[in-house]
PDB file of all heavy atoms in Angstrom:
ATOM      1  N   ALA A   1      -2.896   0.566  23.059  1.00  0.00           N
ATOM      2  CA  ALA A   1      -3.890   1.513  22.615  1.00  0.00           C
ATOM      3  C   ALA A   1      -3.608   2.975  22.937  1.00  0.00           C
ATOM      4  O   ALA A   1      -3.806   3.828  22.117  1.00  0.00           O
ATOM      5  CB  ALA A   1      -5.249   1.164  23.284  1.00  0.00           C
ATOM      6  N   LYS A   2      -2.979   3.201  24.103  1.00  0.00           N
ATOM      7  CA  LYS A   2      -2.558   4.512  24.501  1.00  0.00           C
ATOM      8  C   LYS A   2      -1.475   4.971  23.557  1.00  0.00           C
ATOM      9  O   LYS A   2      -1.466   6.166  23.088  1.00  0.00           O
ATOM     10  CB  LYS A   2      -2.052   4.528  25.933  1.00  0.00           C
ATOM     11  CG  LYS A   2      -1.412   5.739  26.382  1.00  0.00           C
ATOM     12  CD  LYS A   2      -2.371   6.779  26.876  1.00  0.00           C
ATOM     13  CE  LYS A   2      -1.730   7.980  27.555  1.00  0.00           C
ATOM     14  NZ  LYS A   2      -1.317   9.006  26.693  1.00  0.00           N
ATOM     15  N   ALA A   3      -0.525   4.140  23.265  1.00  0.00           N
ATOM     16  CA  ALA A   3       0.568   4.467  22.297  1.00  0.00           C
ATOM     17  C   ALA A   3       0.028   4.760  20.927  1.00  0.00           C
ATOM     18  O   ALA A   3       0.484   5.729  20.287  1.00  0.00           O
ATOM     19  CB  ALA A   3       1.548   3.322  22.262  1.00  0.00           C
ATOM     20  N   LYS A   4      -0.982   4.022  20.516  1.00  0.00           N
ATOM     21  CA  LYS A   4      -1.575   4.309  19.199  1.00  0.00           C
ATOM     22  C   LYS A   4      -2.321   5.634  19.147  1.00  0.00           C
ATOM     23  O   LYS A   4      -2.182   6.395  18.193  1.00  0.00           O
ATOM     24  CB  LYS A   4      -2.575   3.165  18.861  1.00  0.00           C
ATOM     25  CG  LYS A   4      -3.105   3.308  17.438  1.00  0.00           C
ATOM     26  CD  LYS A   4      -4.027   2.067  17.008  1.00  0.00           C
ATOM     27  CE  LYS A   4      -4.529   2.295  15.645  1.00  0.00           C
ATOM     28  NZ  LYS A   4      -5.358   1.146  15.205  1.00  0.00           N
ATOM     29  N   GLU A   5      -3.025   5.997  20.233  1.00  0.00           N
ATOM     30  CA  GLU A   5      -3.685   7.261  20.294  1.00  0.00           C
ATOM     31  C   GLU A   5      -2.640   8.433  20.228  1.00  0.00           C
ATOM     32  O   GLU A   5      -2.817   9.390  19.536  1.00  0.00           O
ATOM     33  CB  GLU A   5      -4.489   7.428  21.585  1.00  0.00           C
ATOM     34  CG  GLU A   5      -5.686   6.537  21.630  1.00  0.00           C
ATOM     35  CD  GLU A   5      -6.470   6.539  22.917  1.00  0.00           C
ATOM     36  OE1 GLU A   5      -6.101   7.416  23.793  1.00  0.00           O
ATOM     37  OE2 GLU A   5      -7.344   5.742  23.116  1.00  0.00           O
ATOM     38  N   ASP A   6      -1.598   8.252  21.046  1.00  0.00           N
ATOM     39  CA  ASP A   6      -0.471   9.275  21.052  1.00  0.00           C
ATOM     40  C   ASP A   6       0.076   9.423  19.612  1.00  0.00           C
ATOM     41  O   ASP A   6       0.380  10.543  19.203  1.00  0.00           O
ATOM     42  CB  ASP A   6       0.566   8.906  22.056  1.00  0.00           C
ATOM     43  CG  ASP A   6       0.092   8.953  23.507  1.00  0.00           C
ATOM     44  OD1 ASP A   6      -0.987   9.556  23.732  1.00  0.00           O
ATOM     45  OD2 ASP A   6       0.788   8.427  24.375  1.00  0.00           O
ATOM     46  N   TYR A   7       0.282   8.293  18.987  1.00  0.00           N
ATOM     47  CA  TYR A   7       0.810   8.323  17.667  1.00  0.00           C
ATOM     48  C   TYR A   7      -0.095   9.026  16.668  1.00  0.00           C
ATOM     49  O   TYR A   7       0.353   9.848  15.857  1.00  0.00           O
ATOM     50  CB  TYR A   7       1.128   6.819  17.148  1.00  0.00           C
ATOM     51  CG  TYR A   7       1.314   6.763  15.677  1.00  0.00           C
ATOM     52  CD1 TYR A   7       2.584   7.061  15.143  1.00  0.00           C
ATOM     53  CD2 TYR A   7       0.351   6.218  14.776  1.00  0.00           C
ATOM     54  CE1 TYR A   7       2.812   6.932  13.736  1.00  0.00           C
ATOM     55  CE2 TYR A   7       0.575   6.084  13.469  1.00  0.00           C
ATOM     56  CZ  TYR A   7       1.839   6.506  12.917  1.00  0.00           C
ATOM     57  OH  TYR A   7       2.039   6.362  11.576  1.00  0.00           O
ATOM     58  N   GLU A   8      -1.331   8.719  16.738  1.00  0.00           N
ATOM     59  CA  GLU A   8      -2.304   9.408  15.839  1.00  0.00           C
ATOM     60  C   GLU A   8      -2.385  10.869  16.081  1.00  0.00           C
ATOM     61  O   GLU A   8      -2.422  11.675  15.082  1.00  0.00           O
ATOM     62  CB  GLU A   8      -3.701   8.765  15.980  1.00  0.00           C
ATOM     63  CG  GLU A   8      -3.756   7.311  15.425  1.00  0.00           C
ATOM     64  CD  GLU A   8      -5.048   6.597  15.704  1.00  0.00           C
ATOM     65  OE1 GLU A   8      -5.880   7.062  16.525  1.00  0.00           O
ATOM     66  OE2 GLU A   8      -5.265   5.507  15.170  1.00  0.00           O
ATOM     67  N   ASP A   9      -2.304  11.282  17.321  1.00  0.00           N
ATOM     68  CA  ASP A   9      -2.249  12.712  17.649  1.00  0.00           C
ATOM     69  C   ASP A   9      -0.950  13.366  17.086  1.00  0.00           C
ATOM     70  O   ASP A   9      -0.988  14.487  16.516  1.00  0.00           O
ATOM     71  CB  ASP A   9      -2.279  12.957  19.146  1.00  0.00           C
ATOM     72  CG  ASP A   9      -3.665  12.606  19.728  1.00  0.00           C
ATOM     73  OD1 ASP A   9      -4.621  12.509  18.969  1.00  0.00           O
ATOM     74  OD2 ASP A   9      -3.725  12.394  20.992  1.00  0.00           O
ATOM     75  N   ALA A  10       0.143  12.686  17.193  1.00  0.00           N
ATOM     76  CA  ALA A  10       1.430  13.189  16.727  1.00  0.00           C
ATOM     77  C   ALA A  10       1.415  13.236  15.173  1.00  0.00           C
ATOM     78  O   ALA A  10       1.954  14.268  14.606  1.00  0.00           O
ATOM     79  CB  ALA A  10       2.596  12.275  17.204  1.00  0.00           C
ATOM     80  N   VAL A  11       0.768  12.316  14.490  1.00  0.00           N
ATOM     81  CA  VAL A  11       0.699  12.351  13.040  1.00  0.00           C
ATOM     82  C   VAL A  11      -0.159  13.531  12.578  1.00  0.00           C
ATOM     83  O   VAL A  11       0.166  14.197  11.638  1.00  0.00           O
ATOM     84  CB  VAL A  11       0.185  11.048  12.470  1.00  0.00           C
ATOM     85  CG1 VAL A  11      -0.200  11.120  10.999  1.00  0.00           C
ATOM     86  CG2 VAL A  11       1.165   9.898  12.685  1.00  0.00           C
ATOM     87  N   LYS A  12      -1.351  13.759  13.293  1.00  0.00           N
ATOM     88  CA  LYS A  12      -2.111  14.929  12.938  1.00  0.00           C
ATOM     89  C   LYS A  12      -1.385  16.166  13.120  1.00  0.00           C
ATOM     90  O   LYS A  12      -1.493  17.103  12.300  1.00  0.00           O
ATOM     91  CB  LYS A  12      -3.435  14.856  13.804  1.00  0.00           C
ATOM     92  CG  LYS A  12      -4.378  13.821  13.431  1.00  0.00           C
ATOM     93  CD  LYS A  12      -5.610  13.812  14.284  1.00  0.00           C
ATOM     94  CE  LYS A  12      -6.551  12.642  13.988  1.00  0.00           C
ATOM     95  NZ  LYS A  12      -7.646  12.562  14.908  1.00  0.00           N
ATOM     96  N   GLU A  13      -0.645  16.326  14.160  1.00  0.00           N
ATOM     97  CA  GLU A  13       0.158  17.558  14.457  1.00  0.00           C
ATOM     98  C   GLU A  13       1.234  17.679  13.399  1.00  0.00           C
ATOM     99  O   GLU A  13       1.460  18.789  12.865  1.00  0.00           O
ATOM    100  CB  GLU A  13       0.761  17.446  15.808  1.00  0.00           C
ATOM    101  CG  GLU A  13       1.608  18.706  16.146  1.00  0.00           C
ATOM    102  CD  GLU A  13       2.160  18.610  17.595  1.00  0.00           C
ATOM    103  OE1 GLU A  13       1.585  17.969  18.412  1.00  0.00           O
ATOM    104  OE2 GLU A  13       3.246  19.233  17.765  1.00  0.00           O
ATOM    105  N   PHE A  14       1.832  16.608  12.996  1.00  0.00           N
ATOM    106  CA  PHE A  14       2.882  16.603  12.010  1.00  0.00           C
ATOM    107  C   PHE A  14       2.352  17.049  10.634  1.00  0.00           C
ATOM    108  O   PHE A  14       2.924  17.897  10.021  1.00  0.00           O
ATOM    109  CB  PHE A  14       3.463  15.164  11.867  1.00  0.00           C
ATOM    110  CG  PHE A  14       4.409  14.967  10.714  1.00  0.00           C
ATOM    111  CD1 PHE A  14       5.663  15.489  10.821  1.00  0.00           C
ATOM    112  CD2 PHE A  14       4.051  14.258   9.590  1.00  0.00           C
ATOM    113  CE1 PHE A  14       6.567  15.319   9.749  1.00  0.00           C
ATOM    114  CE2 PHE A  14       4.927  14.070   8.537  1.00  0.00           C
ATOM    115  CZ  PHE A  14       6.209  14.543   8.617  1.00  0.00           C
ATOM    116  N   GLU A  15       1.138  16.555  10.265  1.00  0.00           N
ATOM    117  CA  GLU A  15       0.551  16.922   8.987  1.00  0.00           C
ATOM    118  C   GLU A  15      -0.008  18.307   9.058  1.00  0.00           C
ATOM    119  O   GLU A  15       0.056  19.062   8.050  1.00  0.00           O
ATOM    120  CB  GLU A  15      -0.583  15.980   8.635  1.00  0.00           C
ATOM    121  CG  GLU A  15      -0.022  14.549   8.283  1.00  0.00           C
ATOM    122  CD  GLU A  15      -1.121  13.469   8.071  1.00  0.00           C
ATOM    123  OE1 GLU A  15      -2.261  13.748   8.359  1.00  0.00           O
ATOM    124  OE2 GLU A  15      -0.767  12.398   7.599  1.00  0.00           O
ATOM    125  N   ALA A  16      -0.444  18.811  10.203  1.00  0.00           N
ATOM    126  CA  ALA A  16      -0.968  20.177  10.337  1.00  0.00           C
ATOM    127  C   ALA A  16       0.214  21.167  10.226  1.00  0.00           C
ATOM    128  O   ALA A  16      -0.033  22.278   9.761  1.00  0.00           O
ATOM    129  CB  ALA A  16      -1.661  20.367  11.666  1.00  0.00           C
ATOM    130  N   ASN A  17       1.399  20.722  10.524  1.00  0.00           N
ATOM    131  CA  ASN A  17       2.521  21.690  10.475  1.00  0.00           C
ATOM    132  C   ASN A  17       3.247  21.555   9.153  1.00  0.00           C
ATOM    133  O   ASN A  17       4.393  21.983   9.009  1.00  0.00           O
ATOM    134  CB  ASN A  17       3.527  21.317  11.606  1.00  0.00           C
ATOM    135  CG  ASN A  17       2.995  21.742  12.939  1.00  0.00           C
ATOM    136  OD1 ASN A  17       2.181  22.646  13.050  1.00  0.00           O
ATOM    137  ND2 ASN A  17       3.391  21.059  13.986  1.00  0.00           N
ATOM    138  N   GLY A  18       2.587  20.954   8.144  1.00  0.00           N
ATOM    139  CA  GLY A  18       3.144  20.907   6.792  1.00  0.00           C
ATOM    140  C   GLY A  18       3.912  19.638   6.561  1.00  0.00           C
ATOM    141  O   GLY A  18       4.420  19.462   5.504  1.00  0.00           O
ATOM    142  N   GLY A  19       3.947  18.682   7.433  1.00  0.00           N
ATOM    143  CA  GLY A  19       4.650  17.445   7.219  1.00  0.00           C
ATOM    144  C   GLY A  19       3.849  16.588   6.275  1.00  0.00           C
ATOM    145  O   GLY A  19       2.651  16.636   6.233  1.00  0.00           O
ATOM    146  N   GLY A  20       4.533  15.790   5.505  1.00  0.00           N
ATOM    147  CA  GLY A  20       3.879  14.901   4.558  1.00  0.00           C
ATOM    148  C   GLY A  20       3.571  15.508   3.199  1.00  0.00           C
ATOM    149  O   GLY A  20       3.490  14.817   2.219  1.00  0.00           O
ATOM    150  N   ALA A  21       3.434  16.815   3.124  1.00  0.00           N
ATOM    151  CA  ALA A  21       3.147  17.514   1.862  1.00  0.00           C
ATOM    152  C   ALA A  21       4.366  17.456   0.918  1.00  0.00           C
ATOM    153  O   ALA A  21       4.273  17.303  -0.251  1.00  0.00           O
ATOM    154  CB  ALA A  21       2.692  18.885   2.050  1.00  0.00           C
ATOM    155  N   ALA A  22       5.586  17.518   1.520  1.00  0.00           N
ATOM    156  CA  ALA A  22       6.796  17.572   0.718  1.00  0.00           C
ATOM    157  C   ALA A  22       7.106  16.247   0.103  1.00  0.00           C
ATOM    158  O   ALA A  22       7.817  16.220  -0.905  1.00  0.00           O
ATOM    159  CB  ALA A  22       7.946  18.025   1.599  1.00  0.00           C
ATOM    160  N   ASN A  23       6.634  15.155   0.696  1.00  0.00           N
ATOM    161  CA  ASN A  23       7.016  13.833   0.127  1.00  0.00           C
ATOM    162  C   ASN A  23       5.875  13.160  -0.549  1.00  0.00           C
ATOM    163  O   ASN A  23       5.678  11.988  -0.485  1.00  0.00           O
ATOM    164  CB  ASN A  23       7.557  12.968   1.242  1.00  0.00           C
ATOM    165  CG  ASN A  23       6.631  12.705   2.367  1.00  0.00           C
ATOM    166  OD1 ASN A  23       5.487  13.154   2.325  1.00  0.00           O
ATOM    167  ND2 ASN A  23       7.038  11.948   3.417  1.00  0.00           N
ATOM    168  N   GLY A  24       4.997  13.919  -1.212  1.00  0.00           N
ATOM    169  CA  GLY A  24       3.933  13.340  -1.977  1.00  0.00           C
ATOM    170  C   GLY A  24       2.626  13.167  -1.192  1.00  0.00           C
ATOM    171  O   GLY A  24       1.807  12.417  -1.672  1.00  0.00           O
ATOM    172  N   GLY A  25       2.464  13.840  -0.153  1.00  0.00           N
ATOM    173  CA  GLY A  25       1.195  13.718   0.596  1.00  0.00           C
ATOM    174  C   GLY A  25       1.005  12.442   1.311  1.00  0.00           C
ATOM    175  O   GLY A  25      -0.182  12.080   1.610  1.00  0.00           O
ATOM    176  N   GLY A  26       1.972  11.656   1.546  1.00  0.00           N
ATOM    177  CA  GLY A  26       1.838  10.408   2.204  1.00  0.00           C
ATOM    178  C   GLY A  26       1.183   9.316   1.459  1.00  0.00           C
ATOM    179  O   GLY A  26       0.528   8.428   2.012  1.00  0.00           O
ATOM    180  N   LYS A  27       1.271   9.374   0.116  1.00  0.00           N
ATOM    181  CA  LYS A  27       0.669   8.303  -0.690  1.00  0.00           C
ATOM    182  C   LYS A  27       1.352   6.973  -0.447  1.00  0.00           C
ATOM    183  O   LYS A  27       2.543   6.944  -0.249  1.00  0.00           O
ATOM    184  CB  LYS A  27       0.825   8.649  -2.188  1.00  0.00           C
ATOM    185  CG  LYS A  27      -0.059   9.735  -2.654  1.00  0.00           C
ATOM    186  CD  LYS A  27       0.126   9.758  -4.174  1.00  0.00           C
ATOM    187  CE  LYS A  27      -0.812  10.752  -4.829  1.00  0.00           C
ATOM    188  NZ  LYS A  27      -0.579  10.966  -6.240  1.00  0.00           N
ATOM    189  N   LYS A  28       0.555   5.901  -0.499  1.00  0.00           N
ATOM    190  CA  LYS A  28       1.131   4.615  -0.359  1.00  0.00           C
ATOM    191  C   LYS A  28       1.478   4.111  -1.783  1.00  0.00           C
ATOM    192  O   LYS A  28       0.761   4.457  -2.738  1.00  0.00           O
ATOM    193  CB  LYS A  28       0.137   3.625   0.312  1.00  0.00           C
ATOM    194  CG  LYS A  28      -0.040   3.894   1.792  1.00  0.00           C
ATOM    195  CD  LYS A  28      -0.885   2.811   2.376  1.00  0.00           C
ATOM    196  CE  LYS A  28      -0.997   3.037   3.892  1.00  0.00           C
ATOM    197  NZ  LYS A  28      -1.707   1.950   4.526  1.00  0.00           N
ATOM    198  N   ARG A  29       2.504   3.335  -1.842  1.00  0.00           N
ATOM    199  CA  ARG A  29       2.880   2.781  -3.152  1.00  0.00           C
ATOM    200  C   ARG A  29       1.869   1.739  -3.573  1.00  0.00           C
ATOM    201  O   ARG A  29       1.512   0.870  -2.805  1.00  0.00           O
ATOM    202  CB  ARG A  29       4.224   2.161  -3.092  1.00  0.00           C
ATOM    203  CG  ARG A  29       5.332   3.247  -2.913  1.00  0.00           C
ATOM    204  CD  ARG A  29       6.752   2.637  -2.721  1.00  0.00           C
ATOM    205  NE  ARG A  29       6.881   1.444  -3.552  1.00  0.00           N
ATOM    206  CZ  ARG A  29       8.008   0.806  -3.576  1.00  0.00           C
ATOM    207  NH1 ARG A  29       8.952   1.043  -2.771  1.00  0.00           N
ATOM    208  NH2 ARG A  29       8.144  -0.290  -4.358  1.00  0.00           N
ATOM    209  N   GLY A  30       1.553   1.785  -4.783  1.00  0.00           N
ATOM    210  CA  GLY A  30       0.576   0.752  -5.353  1.00  0.00           C
ATOM    211  C   GLY A  30       1.356  -0.408  -5.797  1.00  0.00           C
ATOM    212  O   GLY A  30       2.547  -0.460  -5.779  1.00  0.00           O
ATOM    213  N   LYS A  31       0.631  -1.385  -6.214  1.00  0.00           N
ATOM    214  CA  LYS A  31       1.307  -2.618  -6.715  1.00  0.00           C
ATOM    215  C   LYS A  31       1.969  -2.338  -8.053  1.00  0.00           C
ATOM    216  O   LYS A  31       1.426  -1.536  -8.867  1.00  0.00           O
ATOM    217  CB  LYS A  31       0.291  -3.760  -6.910  1.00  0.00           C
ATOM    218  CG  LYS A  31      -0.172  -4.319  -5.600  1.00  0.00           C
ATOM    219  CD  LYS A  31      -1.060  -5.530  -5.887  1.00  0.00           C
ATOM    220  CE  LYS A  31      -1.511  -6.103  -4.532  1.00  0.00           C
ATOM    221  NZ  LYS A  31      -2.349  -7.310  -4.768  1.00  0.00           N
ATOM    222  N   ALA A  32       3.088  -2.921  -8.287  1.00  0.00           N
ATOM    223  CA  ALA A  32       3.778  -2.732  -9.577  1.00  0.00           C
ATOM    224  C   ALA A  32       2.959  -3.370 -10.699  1.00  0.00           C
ATOM    225  O   ALA A  32       2.367  -4.413 -10.478  1.00  0.00           O
ATOM    226  CB  ALA A  32       5.145  -3.339  -9.521  1.00  0.00           C
ATOM    227  N   VAL A  33       2.943  -2.721 -11.860  1.00  0.00           N
ATOM    228  CA  VAL A  33       2.238  -3.273 -13.016  1.00  0.00           C
ATOM    229  C   VAL A  33       3.081  -4.375 -13.570  1.00  0.00           C
ATOM    230  O   VAL A  33       4.250  -4.184 -13.833  1.00  0.00           O
ATOM    231  CB  VAL A  33       1.982  -2.166 -14.001  1.00  0.00           C
ATOM    232  CG1 VAL A  33       1.323  -2.709 -15.262  1.00  0.00           C
ATOM    233  CG2 VAL A  33       1.166  -1.052 -13.403  1.00  0.00           C
ATOM    234  N   LYS A  34       2.444  -5.518 -13.804  1.00  0.00           N
ATOM    235  CA  LYS A  34       3.192  -6.669 -14.328  1.00  0.00           C
ATOM    236  C   LYS A  34       3.351  -6.514 -15.884  1.00  0.00           C
ATOM    237  O   LYS A  34       2.334  -6.178 -16.572  1.00  0.00           O
ATOM    238  CB  LYS A  34       2.436  -7.910 -14.034  1.00  0.00           C
ATOM    239  CG  LYS A  34       3.253  -9.180 -14.346  1.00  0.00           C
ATOM    240  CD  LYS A  34       2.558 -10.395 -13.847  1.00  0.00           C
ATOM    241  CE  LYS A  34       3.354 -11.614 -14.102  1.00  0.00           C
ATOM    242  NZ  LYS A  34       2.656 -12.815 -13.603  1.00  0.00           N
ATOM    243  N   LYS A  35       4.532  -6.580 -16.279  1.00  0.00           N
ATOM    244  CA  LYS A  35       4.798  -6.434 -17.750  1.00  0.00           C
ATOM    245  C   LYS A  35       4.482  -7.712 -18.499  1.00  0.00           C
ATOM    246  O   LYS A  35       4.651  -8.781 -17.909  1.00  0.00           O
ATOM    247  CB  LYS A  35       6.310  -6.149 -17.985  1.00  0.00           C
ATOM    248  CG  LYS A  35       6.720  -4.785 -17.430  1.00  0.00           C
ATOM    249  CD  LYS A  35       8.207  -4.541 -17.680  1.00  0.00           C
ATOM    250  CE  LYS A  35       8.609  -3.200 -17.108  1.00  0.00           C
ATOM    251  NZ  LYS A  35      10.050  -2.997 -17.290  1.00  0.00           N
ATOM    252  N   PRO A  36       4.031  -7.625 -19.713  1.00  0.00           N
ATOM    253  CA  PRO A  36       3.689  -8.840 -20.451  1.00  0.00           C
ATOM    254  C   PRO A  36       4.979  -9.624 -20.721  1.00  0.00           C
ATOM    255  O   PRO A  36       6.073  -9.084 -20.800  1.00  0.00           O
ATOM    256  CB  PRO A  36       3.125  -8.296 -21.755  1.00  0.00           C
ATOM    257  CG  PRO A  36       3.547  -6.878 -21.883  1.00  0.00           C
ATOM    258  CD  PRO A  36       3.813  -6.422 -20.484  1.00  0.00           C
ATOM    259  N   ALA A  37       4.864 -10.947 -20.669  1.00  0.00           N
ATOM    260  CA  ALA A  37       5.960 -11.814 -20.868  1.00  0.00           C
ATOM    261  C   ALA A  37       6.548 -11.629 -22.288  1.00  0.00           C
ATOM    262  O   ALA A  37       5.795 -11.400 -23.255  1.00  0.00           O
ATOM    263  CB  ALA A  37       5.543 -13.276 -20.694  1.00  0.00           C
ATOM    264  N   LYS A  38       7.854 -11.767 -22.364  1.00  0.00           N
ATOM    265  CA  LYS A  38       8.498 -11.660 -23.665  1.00  0.00           C
ATOM    266  C   LYS A  38       8.296 -12.967 -24.442  1.00  0.00           C
ATOM    267  O   LYS A  38       8.286 -14.041 -23.919  1.00  0.00           O
ATOM    268  CB  LYS A  38      10.020 -11.362 -23.546  1.00  0.00           C
ATOM    269  CG  LYS A  38      10.344 -10.022 -22.963  1.00  0.00           C
ATOM    270  CD  LYS A  38      11.746  -9.821 -22.901  1.00  0.00           C
ATOM    271  CE  LYS A  38      12.126  -8.413 -22.293  1.00  0.00           C
ATOM    272  NZ  LYS A  38      13.596  -8.244 -22.260  1.00  0.00           N
ATOM    273  N   LYS A  39       8.222 -12.815 -25.785  1.00  0.00           N
ATOM    274  CA  LYS A  39       8.076 -13.974 -26.638  1.00  0.00           C
ATOM    275  C   LYS A  39       9.478 -14.624 -26.776  1.00  0.00           C
ATOM    276  O   LYS A  39      10.474 -13.969 -26.809  1.00  0.00           O
ATOM    277  CB  LYS A  39       7.601 -13.623 -27.979  1.00  0.00           C
ATOM    278  CG  LYS A  39       6.154 -13.175 -28.058  1.00  0.00           C
ATOM    279  CD  LYS A  39       5.743 -12.955 -29.474  1.00  0.00           C
ATOM    280  CE  LYS A  39       4.313 -12.508 -29.569  1.00  0.00           C
ATOM    281  NZ  LYS A  39       3.882 -12.269 -30.978  1.00  0.00           N
ATOM    282  N   SER A  40       9.462 -15.898 -26.799  1.00  0.00           N
ATOM    283  CA  SER A  40      10.730 -16.582 -27.054  1.00  0.00           C
ATOM    284  C   SER A  40      11.091 -16.366 -28.552  1.00  0.00           C
ATOM    285  O   SER A  40      10.308 -15.970 -29.403  1.00  0.00           O
ATOM    286  CB  SER A  40      10.580 -18.028 -26.774  1.00  0.00           C
ATOM    287  OG  SER A  40       9.742 -18.669 -27.726  1.00  0.00           O
ATOM    288  N   LYS A  41      12.395 -16.590 -28.880  1.00  0.00           N
ATOM    289  CA  LYS A  41      12.821 -16.427 -30.247  1.00  0.00           C
ATOM    290  C   LYS A  41      12.028 -17.331 -31.241  1.00  0.00           C
ATOM    291  O   LYS A  41      11.719 -16.899 -32.324  1.00  0.00           O
ATOM    292  CB  LYS A  41      14.335 -16.628 -30.317  1.00  0.00           C
ATOM    293  CG  LYS A  41      15.130 -15.599 -29.698  1.00  0.00           C
ATOM    294  CD  LYS A  41      16.674 -15.830 -29.888  1.00  0.00           C
ATOM    295  CE  LYS A  41      17.383 -14.728 -29.227  1.00  0.00           C
ATOM    296  NZ  LYS A  41      18.866 -14.913 -29.417  1.00  0.00           N
ATOM    297  N   LYS A  42      11.811 -18.548 -30.743  1.00  0.00           N
ATOM    298  CA  LYS A  42      11.111 -19.469 -31.619  1.00  0.00           C
ATOM    299  C   LYS A  42       9.692 -19.004 -31.915  1.00  0.00           C
ATOM    300  O   LYS A  42       9.226 -18.949 -33.033  1.00  0.00           O
ATOM    301  CB  LYS A  42      10.998 -20.870 -30.896  1.00  0.00           C
ATOM    302  CG  LYS A  42      10.368 -21.925 -31.813  1.00  0.00           C
ATOM    303  CD  LYS A  42      10.409 -23.256 -31.101  1.00  0.00           C
ATOM    304  CE  LYS A  42       9.721 -24.279 -31.934  1.00  0.00           C
ATOM    305  NZ  LYS A  42       9.652 -25.606 -31.302  1.00  0.00           N
ATOM    306  N   ALA A  43       8.954 -18.516 -30.850  1.00  0.00           N
ATOM    307  CA  ALA A  43       7.605 -18.011 -31.092  1.00  0.00           C
ATOM    308  C   ALA A  43       7.617 -16.726 -31.948  1.00  0.00           C
ATOM    309  O   ALA A  43       6.775 -16.544 -32.818  1.00  0.00           O
ATOM    310  CB  ALA A  43       6.961 -17.739 -29.746  1.00  0.00           C
TER     311      ALA A  43
END
C-alpha cells in the first residue's frame, strides 16, 4: 500500500512536469476491431 501511494505520487509529479502528453496522454489501447470473415471462393 505504501509503495502504491508512492507510485501514485510519482505519477502525478510525472504528469505535472509534462510527462505523458508526448505519448498520447496515456491512453490505453482499446480492443482491436474484428474484421468480417472473408467469403470462401465457393460462396
